[in-house]
Amino acid sequence: MSVKLQATKTVKQVVKIKPATLTTLRTELKAYAGLKAQLDAIQEKLDAKKEVIGELRESTGEDQLTIDGFSLALVQPVRKVLNQEKLIALGCAVAWIEEATENKPTAPYEKITCPK
């Protein structure tokens, strides 16, 4: 059994923002929070409808249906994941795994978290 110790450190930085920019930013964030709340409420209703529709589709015994232009399908995706521990157990060197691993950047995005 191996024991791993881990420590984290949080650093807060205070930045100066122009008062006009801060006011506009607060206004936009409040508007964002309002829209996010509406979206969450709609998403909740969509999820409930999707569950009912899924149960009805299931009752037909079919995995796929097309009704009045609507398309319904039970999607059952499978992901393949390379298990590095099994690969090493099979004789692959850790250095080979690290050498073959590539970092591929993804599209940047804004992450906004609303207060609870």
PDB file of N, CA and C in Angstrom:
ATOM      1  N   MET A   1       0.851  -1.173   0.000  1.00  0.00           N
ATOM      2  CA  MET A   1       0.000   0.000   0.000  1.00  0.00           C
ATOM      3  C   MET A   1       0.896   1.236   0.000  1.00  0.00           C
ATOM      4  N   SER A   2       0.624   2.154  -0.899  1.00  0.00           N
ATOM      5  CA  SER A   2       1.415   3.388  -0.932  1.00  0.00           C
ATOM      6  C   SER A   2       0.562   4.554  -0.455  1.00  0.00           C
ATOM      7  N   VAL A   3       1.213   5.454   0.226  1.00  0.00           N
ATOM      8  CA  VAL A   3       0.524   6.619   0.754  1.00  0.00           C
ATOM      9  C   VAL A   3       1.000   7.830  -0.027  1.00  0.00           C
ATOM     10  N   LYS A   4       0.060   8.600  -0.551  1.00  0.00           N
ATOM     11  CA  LYS A   4       0.398   9.807  -1.295  1.00  0.00           C
ATOM     12  C   LYS A   4      -0.051  11.016  -0.496  1.00  0.00           C
ATOM     13  N   LEU A   5       0.858  11.941  -0.306  1.00  0.00           N
ATOM     14  CA  LEU A   5       0.525  13.178   0.378  1.00  0.00           C
ATOM     15  C   LEU A   5       0.307  14.259  -0.666  1.00  0.00           C
ATOM     16  N   GLN A   6      -0.666  15.081  -0.429  1.00  0.00           N
ATOM     17  CA  GLN A   6      -0.971  16.138  -1.385  1.00  0.00           C
ATOM     18  C   GLN A   6      -1.266  17.424  -0.626  1.00  0.00           C
ATOM     19  N   ALA A   7      -0.788  18.516  -1.169  1.00  0.00           N
ATOM     20  CA  ALA A   7      -1.048  19.817  -0.559  1.00  0.00           C
ATOM     21  C   ALA A   7      -1.517  20.769  -1.647  1.00  0.00           C
ATOM     22  N   THR A   8      -2.407  21.656  -1.282  1.00  0.00           N
ATOM     23  CA  THR A   8      -2.866  22.657  -2.231  1.00  0.00           C
ATOM     24  C   THR A   8      -2.632  24.037  -1.647  1.00  0.00           C
ATOM     25  N   LYS A   9      -2.511  24.996  -2.540  1.00  0.00           N
ATOM     26  CA  LYS A   9      -2.266  26.370  -2.111  1.00  0.00           C
ATOM     27  C   LYS A   9      -3.148  27.282  -2.949  1.00  0.00           C
ATOM     28  N   THR A  10      -3.826  28.199  -2.299  1.00  0.00           N
ATOM     29  CA  THR A  10      -4.664  29.158  -3.002  1.00  0.00           C
ATOM     30  C   THR A  10      -4.069  30.543  -2.823  1.00  0.00           C
ATOM     31  N   VAL A  11      -3.915  31.230  -3.939  1.00  0.00           N
ATOM     32  CA  VAL A  11      -3.374  32.584  -3.912  1.00  0.00           C
ATOM     33  C   VAL A  11      -4.442  33.509  -4.476  1.00  0.00           C
ATOM     34  N   LYS A  12      -4.798  34.536  -3.726  1.00  0.00           N
ATOM     35  CA  LYS A  12      -5.770  35.514  -4.202  1.00  0.00           C
ATOM     36  C   LYS A  12      -5.025  36.776  -4.571  1.00  0.00           C
ATOM     37  N   GLN A  13      -5.393  37.317  -5.713  1.00  0.00           N
ATOM     38  CA  GLN A  13      -4.749  38.524  -6.197  1.00  0.00           C
ATOM     39  C   GLN A  13      -5.804  39.617  -6.321  1.00  0.00           C
ATOM     40  N   VAL A  14      -5.513  40.764  -5.790  1.00  0.00           N
ATOM     41  CA  VAL A  14      -6.435  41.897  -5.869  1.00  0.00           C
ATOM     42  C   VAL A  14      -6.026  42.727  -7.076  1.00  0.00           C
ATOM     43  N   VAL A  15      -6.992  42.979  -7.957  1.00  0.00           N
ATOM     44  CA  VAL A  15      -6.719  43.780  -9.147  1.00  0.00           C
ATOM     45  C   VAL A  15      -7.592  45.028  -9.125  1.00  0.00           C
ATOM     46  N   LYS A  16      -7.104  46.079  -9.739  1.00  0.00           N
ATOM     47  CA  LYS A  16      -7.880  47.319  -9.798  1.00  0.00           C
ATOM     48  C   LYS A  16      -8.653  47.349 -11.114  1.00  0.00           C
ATOM     49  N   ILE A  17      -9.957  47.597 -10.994  1.00  0.00           N
ATOM     50  CA  ILE A  17     -10.827  47.698 -12.160  1.00  0.00           C
ATOM     51  C   ILE A  17     -11.462  49.077 -12.130  1.00  0.00           C
ATOM     52  N   LYS A  18     -11.549  49.688 -13.297  1.00  0.00           N
ATOM     53  CA  LYS A  18     -12.168  51.014 -13.383  1.00  0.00           C
ATOM     54  C   LYS A  18     -13.597  50.925 -12.861  1.00  0.00           C
ATOM     55  N   PRO A  19     -14.069  51.929 -12.110  1.00  0.00           N
ATOM     56  CA  PRO A  19     -15.434  51.898 -11.569  1.00  0.00           C
ATOM     57  C   PRO A  19     -16.506  51.675 -12.640  1.00  0.00           C
ATOM     58  N   ALA A  20     -16.360  52.299 -13.795  1.00  0.00           N
ATOM     59  CA  ALA A  20     -17.353  52.126 -14.866  1.00  0.00           C
ATOM     60  C   ALA A  20     -17.356  50.688 -15.371  1.00  0.00           C
ATOM     61  N   THR A  21     -16.169  50.117 -15.514  1.00  0.00           N
ATOM     62  CA  THR A  21     -16.065  48.732 -15.967  1.00  0.00           C
ATOM     63  C   THR A  21     -16.657  47.792 -14.933  1.00  0.00           C
ATOM     64  N   LEU A  22     -16.389  48.056 -13.661  1.00  0.00           N
ATOM     65  CA  LEU A  22     -16.913  47.230 -12.585  1.00  0.00           C
ATOM     66  C   LEU A  22     -18.438  47.281 -12.542  1.00  0.00           C
ATOM     67  N   THR A  23     -19.003  48.477 -12.710  1.00  0.00           N
ATOM     68  CA  THR A  23     -20.460  48.636 -12.722  1.00  0.00           C
ATOM     69  C   THR A  23     -21.076  47.864 -13.882  1.00  0.00           C
ATOM     70  N   THR A  24     -20.489  47.992 -15.064  1.00  0.00           N
ATOM     71  CA  THR A  24     -20.991  47.286 -16.247  1.00  0.00           C
ATOM     72  C   THR A  24     -20.851  45.782 -16.068  1.00  0.00           C
ATOM     73  N   LEU A  25     -19.720  45.356 -15.518  1.00  0.00           N
ATOM     74  CA  LEU A  25     -19.487  43.937 -15.287  1.00  0.00           C
ATOM     75  C   LEU A  25     -20.509  43.364 -14.317  1.00  0.00           C
ATOM     76  N   ARG A  26     -20.789  44.086 -13.247  1.00  0.00           N
ATOM     77  CA  ARG A  26     -21.808  43.636 -12.282  1.00  0.00           C
ATOM     78  C   ARG A  26     -23.179  43.529 -12.938  1.00  0.00           C
ATOM     79  N   THR A  27     -23.534  44.523 -13.757  1.00  0.00           N
ATOM     80  CA  THR A  27     -24.825  44.517 -14.457  1.00  0.00           C
ATOM     81  C   THR A  27     -24.925  43.304 -15.372  1.00  0.00           C
ATOM     82  N   GLU A  28     -23.868  43.050 -16.129  1.00  0.00           N
ATOM     83  CA  GLU A  28     -23.864  41.913 -17.062  1.00  0.00           C
ATOM     84  C   GLU A  28     -23.921  40.585 -16.312  1.00  0.00           C
ATOM     85  N   LEU A  29     -23.206  40.496 -15.185  1.00  0.00           N
ATOM     86  CA  LEU A  29     -23.220  39.263 -14.401  1.00  0.00           C
ATOM     87  C   LEU A  29     -24.600  38.997 -13.799  1.00  0.00           C
ATOM     88  N   LYS A  30     -25.273  40.052 -13.340  1.00  0.00           N
ATOM     89  CA  LYS A  30     -26.626  39.890 -12.800  1.00  0.00           C
ATOM     90  C   LYS A  30     -27.589  39.456 -13.900  1.00  0.00           C
ATOM     91  N   ALA A  31     -27.442  40.034 -15.091  1.00  0.00           N
ATOM     92  CA  ALA A  31     -28.281  39.641 -16.223  1.00  0.00           C
ATOM     93  C   ALA A  31     -28.000  38.182 -16.596  1.00  0.00           C
ATOM     94  N   TYR A  32     -26.729  37.812 -16.576  1.00  0.00           N
ATOM     95  CA  TYR A  32     -26.334  36.434 -16.869  1.00  0.00           C
ATOM     96  C   TYR A  32     -26.965  35.473 -15.863  1.00  0.00           C
ATOM     97  N   ALA A  33     -26.906  35.831 -14.581  1.00  0.00           N
ATOM     98  CA  ALA A  33     -27.474  34.985 -13.528  1.00  0.00           C
ATOM     99  C   ALA A  33     -28.976  34.807 -13.720  1.00  0.00           C
ATOM    100  N   GLY A  34     -29.669  35.882 -14.118  1.00  0.00           N
ATOM    101  CA  GLY A  34     -31.106  35.786 -14.370  1.00  0.00           C
ATOM    102  C   GLY A  34     -31.407  34.856 -15.528  1.00  0.00           C
ATOM    103  N   LEU A  35     -30.647  34.984 -16.617  1.00  0.00           N
ATOM    104  CA  LEU A  35     -30.849  34.114 -17.781  1.00  0.00           C
ATOM    105  C   LEU A  35     -30.493  32.663 -17.438  1.00  0.00           C
ATOM    106  N   LYS A  36     -29.448  32.485 -16.652  1.00  0.00           N
ATOM    107  CA  LYS A  36     -29.024  31.131 -16.254  1.00  0.00           C
ATOM    108  C   LYS A  36     -30.114  30.468 -15.421  1.00  0.00           C
ATOM    109  N   ALA A  37     -30.742  31.219 -14.538  1.00  0.00           N
ATOM    110  CA  ALA A  37     -31.835  30.673 -13.719  1.00  0.00           C
ATOM    111  C   ALA A  37     -32.998  30.247 -14.610  1.00  0.00           C
ATOM    112  N   GLN A  38     -33.316  31.073 -15.629  1.00  0.00           N
ATOM    113  CA  GLN A  38     -34.382  30.716 -16.559  1.00  0.00           C
ATOM    114  C   GLN A  38     -34.016  29.460 -17.346  1.00  0.00           C
ATOM    115  N   LEU A  39     -32.765  29.408 -17.792  1.00  0.00           N
ATOM    116  CA  LEU A  39     -32.285  28.253 -18.550  1.00  0.00           C
ATOM    117  C   LEU A  39     -32.341  26.984 -17.704  1.00  0.00           C
ATOM    118  N   ASP A  40     -31.933  27.081 -16.450  1.00  0.00           N
ATOM    119  CA  ASP A  40     -31.972  25.928 -15.554  1.00  0.00           C
ATOM    120  C   ASP A  40     -33.408  25.439 -15.353  1.00  0.00           C
ATOM    121  N   ALA A  41     -34.343  26.379 -15.212  1.00  0.00           N
ATOM    122  CA  ALA A  41     -35.755  26.006 -15.038  1.00  0.00           C
ATOM    123  C   ALA A  41     -36.279  25.319 -16.298  1.00  0.00           C
ATOM    124  N   ILE A  42     -35.927  25.859 -17.454  1.00  0.00           N
ATOM    125  CA  ILE A  42     -36.357  25.250 -18.720  1.00  0.00           C
ATOM    126  C   ILE A  42     -35.715  23.876 -18.882  1.00  0.00           C
ATOM    127  N   GLN A  43     -34.419  23.770 -18.545  1.00  0.00           N
ATOM    128  CA  GLN A  43     -33.719  22.488 -18.676  1.00  0.00           C
ATOM    129  C   GLN A  43     -34.351  21.426 -17.791  1.00  0.00           C
ATOM    130  N   GLU A  44     -34.775  21.825 -16.601  1.00  0.00           N
ATOM    131  CA  GLU A  44     -35.448  20.900 -15.687  1.00  0.00           C
ATOM    132  C   GLU A  44     -36.742  20.380 -16.321  1.00  0.00           C
ATOM    133  N   LYS A  45     -37.505  21.284 -16.934  1.00  0.00           N
ATOM    134  CA  LYS A  45     -38.760  20.887 -17.583  1.00  0.00           C
ATOM    135  C   LYS A  45     -38.481  19.999 -18.797  1.00  0.00           C
ATOM    136  N   LEU A  46     -37.426  20.338 -19.579  1.00  0.00           N
ATOM    137  CA  LEU A  46     -37.059  19.511 -20.726  1.00  0.00           C
ATOM    138  C   LEU A  46     -36.648  18.112 -20.297  1.00  0.00           C
ATOM    139  N   ASP A  47     -35.889  18.020 -19.214  1.00  0.00           N
ATOM    140  CA  ASP A  47     -35.457  16.717 -18.715  1.00  0.00           C
ATOM    141  C   ASP A  47     -36.649  15.876 -18.278  1.00  0.00           C
ATOM    142  N   ALA A  48     -37.632  16.501 -17.639  1.00  0.00           N
ATOM    143  CA  ALA A  48     -38.836  15.781 -17.214  1.00  0.00           C
ATOM    144  C   ALA A  48     -39.606  15.265 -18.435  1.00  0.00           C
ATOM    145  N   LYS A  49     -39.755  16.121 -19.448  1.00  0.00           N
ATOM    146  CA  LYS A  49     -40.450  15.711 -20.683  1.00  0.00           C
ATOM    147  C   LYS A  49     -39.681  14.597 -21.383  1.00  0.00           C
ATOM    148  N   LYS A  50     -38.346  14.725 -21.412  1.00  0.00           N
ATOM    149  CA  LYS A  50     -37.515  13.722 -22.072  1.00  0.00           C
ATOM    150  C   LYS A  50     -37.676  12.361 -21.393  1.00  0.00           C
ATOM    151  N   GLU A  51     -37.806  12.364 -20.059  1.00  0.00           N
ATOM    152  CA  GLU A  51     -37.985  11.118 -19.325  1.00  0.00           C
ATOM    153  C   GLU A  51     -39.318  10.468 -19.692  1.00  0.00           C
ATOM    154  N   VAL A  52     -40.386  11.278 -19.739  1.00  0.00           N
ATOM    155  CA  VAL A  52     -41.712  10.750 -20.096  1.00  0.00           C
ATOM    156  C   VAL A  52     -41.694  10.214 -21.524  1.00  0.00           C
ATOM    157  N   ILE A  53     -41.095  10.981 -22.441  1.00  0.00           N
ATOM    158  CA  ILE A  53     -41.027  10.561 -23.842  1.00  0.00           C
ATOM    159  C   ILE A  53     -40.213   9.272 -23.970  1.00  0.00           C
ATOM    160  N   GLY A  54     -39.112   9.186 -23.214  1.00  0.00           N
ATOM    161  CA  GLY A  54     -38.288   7.978 -23.241  1.00  0.00           C
ATOM    162  C   GLY A  54     -39.053   6.759 -22.758  1.00  0.00           C
ATOM    163  N   GLU A  55     -39.841   6.933 -21.703  1.00  0.00           N
ATOM    164  CA  GLU A  55     -40.648   5.823 -21.190  1.00  0.00           C
ATOM    165  C   GLU A  55     -41.697   5.398 -22.222  1.00  0.00           C
ATOM    166  N   LEU A  56     -42.291   6.384 -22.895  1.00  0.00           N
ATOM    167  CA  LEU A  56     -43.291   6.060 -23.919  1.00  0.00           C
ATOM    168  C   LEU A  56     -42.639   5.352 -25.110  1.00  0.00           C
ATOM    169  N   ARG A  57     -41.449   5.824 -25.523  1.00  0.00           N
ATOM    170  CA  ARG A  57     -40.730   5.168 -26.617  1.00  0.00           C
ATOM    171  C   ARG A  57     -40.382   3.744 -26.223  1.00  0.00           C
ATOM    172  N   GLU A  58     -39.940   3.574 -24.973  1.00  0.00           N
ATOM    173  CA  GLU A  58     -39.576   2.261 -24.467  1.00  0.00           C
ATOM    174  C   GLU A  58     -40.775   1.313 -24.475  1.00  0.00           C
ATOM    175  N   SER A  59     -41.951   1.843 -24.174  1.00  0.00           N
ATOM    176  CA  SER A  59     -43.157   1.010 -24.134  1.00  0.00           C
ATOM    177  C   SER A  59     -43.520   0.474 -25.517  1.00  0.00           C
ATOM    178  N   THR A  60     -43.019   1.116 -26.574  1.00  0.00           N
ATOM    179  CA  THR A  60     -43.279   0.621 -27.927  1.00  0.00           C
ATOM    180  C   THR A  60     -42.367  -0.548 -28.279  1.00  0.00           C
ATOM    181  N   GLY A  61     -41.268  -0.703 -27.508  1.00  0.00           N
ATOM    182  CA  GLY A  61     -40.321  -1.782 -27.794  1.00  0.00           C
ATOM    183  C   GLY A  61     -39.321  -1.421 -28.870  1.00  0.00           C
ATOM    184  N   GLU A  62     -39.339  -0.186 -29.320  1.00  0.00           N
ATOM    185  CA  GLU A  62     -38.423   0.261 -30.379  1.00  0.00           C
ATOM    186  C   GLU A  62     -37.341   1.160 -29.795  1.00  0.00           C
ATOM    187  N   ASP A  63     -36.146   1.073 -30.384  1.00  0.00           N
ATOM    188  CA  ASP A  63     -35.055   1.957 -29.972  1.00  0.00           C
ATOM    189  C   ASP A  63     -35.075   3.271 -30.750  1.00  0.00           C
ATOM    190  N   GLN A  64     -35.674   3.254 -31.941  1.00  0.00           N
ATOM    191  CA  GLN A  64     -35.752   4.456 -32.772  1.00  0.00           C
ATOM    192  C   GLN A  64     -37.153   4.610 -33.337  1.00  0.00           C
ATOM    193  N   LEU A  65     -37.625   5.858 -33.332  1.00  0.00           N
ATOM    194  CA  LEU A  65     -38.938   6.173 -33.898  1.00  0.00           C
ATOM    195  C   LEU A  65     -38.861   7.522 -34.598  1.00  0.00           C
ATOM    196  N   THR A  66     -39.694   7.697 -35.609  1.00  0.00           N
ATOM    197  CA  THR A  66     -39.877   9.002 -36.239  1.00  0.00           C
ATOM    198  C   THR A  66     -41.370   9.264 -36.278  1.00  0.00           C
ATOM    199  N   ILE A  67     -41.784  10.360 -35.632  1.00  0.00           N
ATOM    200  CA  ILE A  67     -43.205  10.700 -35.554  1.00  0.00           C
ATOM    201  C   ILE A  67     -43.368  12.172 -35.884  1.00  0.00           C
ATOM    202  N   ASP A  68     -44.134  12.475 -36.925  1.00  0.00           N
ATOM    203  CA  ASP A  68     -44.438  13.855 -37.318  1.00  0.00           C
ATOM    204  C   ASP A  68     -43.175  14.729 -37.432  1.00  0.00           C
ATOM    205  N   GLY A  69     -42.109  14.167 -37.960  1.00  0.00           N
ATOM    206  CA  GLY A  69     -40.868  14.927 -38.124  1.00  0.00           C
ATOM    207  C   GLY A  69     -39.953  14.874 -36.913  1.00  0.00           C
ATOM    208  N   PHE A  70     -40.480  14.411 -35.768  1.00  0.00           N
ATOM    209  CA  PHE A  70     -39.649  14.240 -34.579  1.00  0.00           C
ATOM    210  C   PHE A  70     -38.900  12.917 -34.693  1.00  0.00           C
ATOM    211  N   SER A  71     -37.680  12.906 -34.261  1.00  0.00           N
ATOM    212  CA  SER A  71     -36.874  11.702 -34.275  1.00  0.00           C
ATOM    213  C   SER A  71     -36.526  11.342 -32.836  1.00  0.00           C
ATOM    214  N   LEU A  72     -36.833  10.120 -32.436  1.00  0.00           N
ATOM    215  CA  LEU A  72     -36.533   9.639 -31.088  1.00  0.00           C
ATOM    216  C   LEU A  72     -35.559   8.481 -31.206  1.00  0.00           C
ATOM    217  N   ALA A  73     -34.559   8.461 -30.365  1.00  0.00           N
ATOM    218  CA  ALA A  73     -33.612   7.354 -30.403  1.00  0.00           C
ATOM    219  C   ALA A  73     -32.991   7.155 -29.027  1.00  0.00           C
ATOM    220  N   LEU A  74     -32.816   5.904 -28.661  1.00  0.00           N
ATOM    221  CA  LEU A  74     -32.092   5.568 -27.454  1.00  0.00           C
ATOM    222  C   LEU A  74     -30.619   5.503 -27.847  1.00  0.00           C
ATOM    223  N   VAL A  75     -29.834   6.416 -27.348  1.00  0.00           N
ATOM    224  CA  VAL A  75     -28.413   6.477 -27.672  1.00  0.00           C
ATOM    225  C   VAL A  75     -27.653   5.834 -26.521  1.00  0.00           C
ATOM    226  N   GLN A  76     -26.841   4.837 -26.846  1.00  0.00           N
ATOM    227  CA  GLN A  76     -26.075   4.127 -25.830  1.00  0.00           C
ATOM    228  C   GLN A  76     -24.592   4.164 -26.208  1.00  0.00           C
ATOM    229  N   PRO A  77     -23.939   5.310 -25.978  1.00  0.00           N
ATOM    230  CA  PRO A  77     -22.543   5.438 -26.395  1.00  0.00           C
ATOM    231  C   PRO A  77     -21.603   4.594 -25.528  1.00  0.00           C
ATOM    232  N   VAL A  78     -20.496   4.198 -26.135  1.00  0.00           N
ATOM    233  CA  VAL A  78     -19.453   3.463 -25.429  1.00  0.00           C
ATOM    234  C   VAL A  78     -18.145   4.201 -25.680  1.00  0.00           C
ATOM    235  N   ARG A  79     -17.435   4.461 -24.604  1.00  0.00           N
ATOM    236  CA  ARG A  79     -16.147   5.142 -24.700  1.00  0.00           C
ATOM    237  C   ARG A  79     -15.037   4.145 -24.482  1.00  0.00           C
ATOM    238  N   LYS A  80     -13.988   4.239 -25.280  1.00  0.00           N
ATOM    239  CA  LYS A  80     -12.822   3.396 -25.064  1.00  0.00           C
ATOM    240  C   LYS A  80     -11.771   4.225 -24.360  1.00  0.00           C
ATOM    241  N   VAL A  81     -11.224   3.673 -23.282  1.00  0.00           N
ATOM    242  CA  VAL A  81     -10.229   4.374 -22.492  1.00  0.00           C
ATOM    243  C   VAL A  81      -9.012   3.471 -22.360  1.00  0.00           C
ATOM    244  N   LEU A  82      -7.856   4.028 -22.623  1.00  0.00           N
ATOM    245  CA  LEU A  82      -6.625   3.278 -22.473  1.00  0.00           C
ATOM    246  C   LEU A  82      -6.271   3.212 -20.993  1.00  0.00           C
ATOM    247  N   ASN A  83      -6.188   2.017 -20.459  1.00  0.00           N
ATOM    248  CA  ASN A  83      -5.864   1.823 -19.057  1.00  0.00           C
ATOM    249  C   ASN A  83      -4.346   1.721 -18.932  1.00  0.00           C
ATOM    250  N   GLN A  84      -3.720   2.789 -18.466  1.00  0.00           N
ATOM    251  CA  GLN A  84      -2.270   2.839 -18.400  1.00  0.00           C
ATOM    252  C   GLN A  84      -1.699   1.798 -17.437  1.00  0.00           C
ATOM    253  N   GLU A  85      -2.385   1.546 -16.344  1.00  0.00           N
ATOM    254  CA  GLU A  85      -1.897   0.558 -15.378  1.00  0.00           C
ATOM    255  C   GLU A  85      -1.848  -0.838 -15.990  1.00  0.00           C
ATOM    256  N   LYS A  86      -2.885  -1.209 -16.746  1.00  0.00           N
ATOM    257  CA  LYS A  86      -2.885  -2.517 -17.406  1.00  0.00           C
ATOM    258  C   LYS A  86      -1.786  -2.578 -18.470  1.00  0.00           C
ATOM    259  N   LEU A  87      -1.599  -1.471 -19.176  1.00  0.00           N
ATOM    260  CA  LEU A  87      -0.580  -1.414 -20.215  1.00  0.00           C
ATOM    261  C   LEU A  87       0.810  -1.617 -19.615  1.00  0.00           C
ATOM    262  N   ILE A  88       1.073  -0.992 -18.486  1.00  0.00           N
ATOM    263  CA  ILE A  88       2.360  -1.151 -17.804  1.00  0.00           C
ATOM    264  C   ILE A  88       2.510  -2.588 -17.309  1.00  0.00           C
ATOM    265  N   ALA A  89       1.420  -3.168 -16.783  1.00  0.00           N
ATOM    266  CA  ALA A  89       1.454  -4.559 -16.318  1.00  0.00           C
ATOM    267  C   ALA A  89       1.748  -5.520 -17.465  1.00  0.00           C
ATOM    268  N   LEU A  90       1.358  -5.140 -18.676  1.00  0.00           N
ATOM    269  CA  LEU A  90       1.614  -5.985 -19.850  1.00  0.00           C
ATOM    270  C   LEU A  90       3.030  -5.800 -20.397  1.00  0.00           C
ATOM    271  N   GLY A  91       3.793  -4.880 -19.780  1.00  0.00           N
ATOM    272  CA  GLY A  91       5.195  -4.730 -20.174  1.00  0.00           C
ATOM    273  C   GLY A  91       5.543  -3.440 -20.895  1.00  0.00           C
ATOM    274  N   CYS A  92       4.607  -2.545 -21.035  1.00  0.00           N
ATOM    275  CA  CYS A  92       4.884  -1.266 -21.684  1.00  0.00           C
ATOM    276  C   CYS A  92       5.582  -0.348 -20.676  1.00  0.00           C
ATOM    277  N   ALA A  93       6.616   0.302 -21.113  1.00  0.00           N
ATOM    278  CA  ALA A  93       7.362   1.195 -20.227  1.00  0.00           C
ATOM    279  C   ALA A  93       6.595   2.499 -20.026  1.00  0.00           C
ATOM    280  N   VAL A  94       6.681   3.053 -18.824  1.00  0.00           N
ATOM    281  CA  VAL A  94       6.026   4.322 -18.510  1.00  0.00           C
ATOM    282  C   VAL A  94       6.541   5.417 -19.446  1.00  0.00           C
ATOM    283  N   ALA A  95       7.839   5.391 -19.738  1.00  0.00           N
ATOM    284  CA  ALA A  95       8.439   6.392 -20.627  1.00  0.00           C
ATOM    285  C   ALA A  95       7.808   6.341 -22.015  1.00  0.00           C
ATOM    286  N   TRP A  96       7.451   5.149 -22.475  1.00  0.00           N
ATOM    287  CA  TRP A  96       6.814   5.031 -23.790  1.00  0.00           C
ATOM    288  C   TRP A  96       5.444   5.699 -23.783  1.00  0.00           C
ATOM    289  N   ILE A  97       4.712   5.488 -22.697  1.00  0.00           N
ATOM    290  CA  ILE A  97       3.387   6.102 -22.581  1.00  0.00           C
ATOM    291  C   ILE A  97       3.520   7.619 -22.579  1.00  0.00           C
ATOM    292  N   GLU A  98       4.463   8.134 -21.791  1.00  0.00           N
ATOM    293  CA  GLU A  98       4.675   9.587 -21.725  1.00  0.00           C
ATOM    294  C   GLU A  98       5.122  10.142 -23.066  1.00  0.00           C
ATOM    295  N   GLU A  99       5.978   9.396 -23.775  1.00  0.00           N
ATOM    296  CA  GLU A  99       6.469   9.851 -25.076  1.00  0.00           C
ATOM    297  C   GLU A  99       5.352   9.864 -26.124  1.00  0.00           C
ATOM    298  N   ALA A 100       4.428   8.931 -26.015  1.00  0.00           N
ATOM    299  CA  ALA A 100       3.339   8.832 -26.987  1.00  0.00           C
ATOM    300  C   ALA A 100       2.150   9.720 -26.636  1.00  0.00           C
ATOM    301  N   THR A 101       2.145  10.319 -25.458  1.00  0.00           N
ATOM    302  CA  THR A 101       1.042  11.162 -25.039  1.00  0.00           C
ATOM    303  C   THR A 101       1.214  12.563 -25.612  1.00  0.00           C
ATOM    304  N   GLU A 102       0.174  13.043 -26.263  1.00  0.00           N
ATOM    305  CA  GLU A 102       0.198  14.378 -26.868  1.00  0.00           C
ATOM    306  C   GLU A 102      -0.776  15.290 -26.153  1.00  0.00           C
ATOM    307  N   ASN A 103      -0.389  16.534 -25.979  1.00  0.00           N
ATOM    308  CA  ASN A 103      -1.293  17.555 -25.439  1.00  0.00           C
ATOM    309  C   ASN A 103      -1.901  18.291 -26.621  1.00  0.00           C
ATOM    310  N   LYS A 104      -3.210  18.246 -26.716  1.00  0.00           N
ATOM    311  CA  LYS A 104      -3.897  18.931 -27.805  1.00  0.00           C
ATOM    312  C   LYS A 104      -4.788  20.002 -27.206  1.00  0.00           C
ATOM    313  N   PRO A 105      -4.540  21.256 -27.541  1.00  0.00           N
ATOM    314  CA  PRO A 105      -5.365  22.328 -26.969  1.00  0.00           C
ATOM    315  C   PRO A 105      -6.803  22.250 -27.482  1.00  0.00           C
ATOM    316  N   THR A 106      -7.712  22.670 -26.637  1.00  0.00           N
ATOM    317  CA  THR A 106      -9.116  22.736 -27.029  1.00  0.00           C
ATOM    318  C   THR A 106      -9.513  24.207 -27.127  1.00  0.00           C
ATOM    319  N   ALA A 107     -10.709  24.451 -27.594  1.00  0.00           N
ATOM    320  CA  ALA A 107     -11.168  25.828 -27.759  1.00  0.00           C
ATOM    321  C   ALA A 107     -11.320  26.508 -26.399  1.00  0.00           C
ATOM    322  N   PRO A 108     -10.786  27.713 -26.256  1.00  0.00           N
ATOM    323  CA  PRO A 108     -10.963  28.426 -24.987  1.00  0.00           C
ATOM    324  C   PRO A 108     -12.414  28.865 -24.815  1.00  0.00           C
ATOM    325  N   TYR A 109     -12.839  29.009 -23.570  1.00  0.00           N
ATOM    326  CA  TYR A 109     -14.202  29.439 -23.287  1.00  0.00           C
ATOM    327  C   TYR A 109     -14.237  30.198 -21.979  1.00  0.00           C
ATOM    328  N   GLU A 110     -15.295  30.976 -21.804  1.00  0.00           N
ATOM    329  CA  GLU A 110     -15.509  31.708 -20.561  1.00  0.00           C
ATOM    330  C   GLU A 110     -16.219  30.789 -19.580  1.00  0.00           C
ATOM    331  N   LYS A 111     -15.726  30.703 -18.366  1.00  0.00           N
ATOM    332  CA  LYS A 111     -16.407  29.935 -17.332  1.00  0.00           C
ATOM    333  C   LYS A 111     -16.949  30.926 -16.315  1.00  0.00           C
ATOM    334  N   ILE A 112     -18.259  30.929 -16.154  1.00  0.00           N
ATOM    335  CA  ILE A 112     -18.904  31.842 -15.214  1.00  0.00           C
ATOM    336  C   ILE A 112     -19.686  30.996 -14.230  1.00  0.00           C
ATOM    337  N   THR A 113     -19.421  31.185 -12.954  1.00  0.00           N
ATOM    338  CA  THR A 113     -20.131  30.471 -11.902  1.00  0.00           C
ATOM    339  C   THR A 113     -20.969  31.470 -11.122  1.00  0.00           C
ATOM    340  N   CYS A 114     -22.272  31.215 -11.073  1.00  0.00           N
ATOM    341  CA  CYS A 114     -23.176  32.112 -10.359  1.00  0.00           C
ATOM    342  C   CYS A 114     -23.179  31.770  -8.872  1.00  0.00           C
ATOM    343  N   PRO A 115     -23.324  32.783  -8.018  1.00  0.00           N
ATOM    344  CA  PRO A 115     -23.422  32.494  -6.585  1.00  0.00           C
ATOM    345  C   PRO A 115     -24.723  31.751  -6.307  1.00  0.00           C
ATOM    346  N   LYS A 116     -24.706  30.953  -5.271  1.00  0.00           N
ATOM    347  CA  LYS A 116     -25.901  30.146  -4.934  1.00  0.00           C
ATOM    348  C   LYS A 116     -26.959  30.999  -4.309  1.00  0.00           C
TER     349      LYS A 116
END
